[in-house]
Amino acid sequence: MRDGGRIEVTALNEPGTLAQIAQVIADNDGNITNLHIAKNAHDFSVMVIDVEIFDVKHLTRVLAQLRSRSVVSNAVRVNE
C-alpha cells in the first residue's frame, strides 16, 4: 500500500532539471501526484512535490538520491 508524502526540492532553474527529479522518483518506484513551483527565480526553483511512497524509509531513500544530483541543492520532507 502506498502513502502520500510531500517534499520540497530546491534546484537549478535550467533545462532538464525537472526531468532529472522526476527520473529519480520514478527509478525508486515513487509516483508524482502533484507538483507546484512555489518559487521560480532566474537561477533556481523551489518545487513542492506530492509523491506516493511506501513508507518513511522509501521517502528517505528518494530524498537522499535527489540530494545527490548536481542540479539539486536541497530536498526535504514537508510536514503538512
Protein backbone atom coordinates (compact mmCIF):
# COMPACT_ATOMS: atom_id res chain seq x y z
CA MET A 1 0.00 0.00 0.00
CA ARG A 2 1.25 3.45 -0.86
CA ASP A 3 1.11 6.53 1.32
CA GLY A 4 1.39 10.14 0.36
CA GLY A 5 4.36 12.34 1.15
CA ARG A 6 5.22 15.92 0.36
CA ILE A 7 8.74 17.07 -0.44
CA GLU A 8 10.28 20.42 -1.23
CA VAL A 9 13.12 20.48 -3.73
CA THR A 10 15.33 23.49 -4.40
CA ALA A 11 17.10 23.06 -7.71
CA LEU A 12 18.82 24.89 -10.53
CA ASN A 13 16.49 26.58 -12.98
CA GLU A 14 17.87 25.08 -16.18
CA PRO A 15 16.64 22.74 -18.91
CA GLY A 16 16.43 19.12 -17.83
CA THR A 17 16.27 19.70 -14.07
CA LEU A 18 12.64 18.67 -13.69
CA ALA A 19 13.28 15.60 -15.84
CA GLN A 20 16.14 14.54 -13.55
CA ILE A 21 13.99 14.99 -10.45
CA ALA A 22 11.11 13.03 -11.96
CA GLN A 23 13.51 10.29 -13.06
CA VAL A 24 14.91 9.85 -9.54
CA ILE A 25 11.39 9.49 -8.17
CA ALA A 26 10.39 7.03 -10.91
CA ASP A 27 13.60 4.99 -10.57
CA ASN A 28 12.71 4.49 -6.90
CA ASP A 29 9.16 3.32 -7.65
CA GLY A 30 7.64 6.59 -6.46
CA ASN A 31 4.79 8.36 -8.20
CA ILE A 32 4.30 12.11 -8.52
CA THR A 33 0.68 13.03 -7.79
CA ASN A 34 1.04 16.81 -7.71
CA LEU A 35 3.71 19.39 -8.49
CA HIS A 36 3.76 23.08 -7.63
CA ILE A 37 6.52 25.56 -8.48
CA ALA A 38 6.50 27.59 -5.27
CA LYS A 39 9.27 29.97 -6.36
CA ASN A 40 10.81 30.44 -9.76
CA ALA A 41 13.84 32.72 -9.80
CA HIS A 42 16.35 33.29 -12.59
CA ASP A 43 18.85 30.78 -11.22
CA PHE A 44 16.79 28.37 -9.10
CA SER A 45 13.30 26.98 -8.48
CA VAL A 46 11.59 25.68 -5.38
CA MET A 47 9.21 22.83 -6.14
CA VAL A 48 6.68 21.26 -3.81
CA ILE A 49 6.03 17.70 -4.94
CA ASP A 50 3.42 15.27 -3.65
CA VAL A 51 4.64 11.71 -4.07
CA GLU A 52 3.21 8.28 -3.44
CA ILE A 53 5.67 6.26 -1.40
CA PHE A 54 5.60 3.01 0.57
CA ASP A 55 6.97 4.19 3.93
CA VAL A 56 9.37 6.61 5.61
CA LYS A 57 12.38 4.51 4.62
CA HIS A 58 11.30 4.73 0.99
CA LEU A 59 10.88 8.52 1.24
CA THR A 60 14.29 8.85 2.91
CA ARG A 61 15.92 6.95 0.03
CA VAL A 62 14.22 9.18 -2.56
CA LEU A 63 15.36 12.33 -0.74
CA ALA A 64 18.94 11.08 -0.46
CA GLN A 65 19.11 10.31 -4.16
CA LEU A 66 17.61 13.68 -5.05
CA ARG A 67 20.23 15.44 -2.91
CA SER A 68 22.97 13.52 -4.73
CA ARG A 69 22.04 15.12 -8.06
CA SER A 70 24.20 18.08 -9.06
CA VAL A 71 21.13 20.14 -10.06
CA VAL A 72 19.52 19.78 -6.62
CA SER A 73 20.74 22.00 -3.80
CA ASN A 74 18.24 20.77 -1.19
CA ALA A 75 15.46 18.21 -0.82
CA VAL A 76 13.43 17.89 2.37
CA ARG A 77 10.22 16.36 3.64
CA VAL A 78 7.43 18.84 4.24
CA ASN A 79 5.28 18.18 7.29
CA GLU A 80 1.73 19.01 6.37
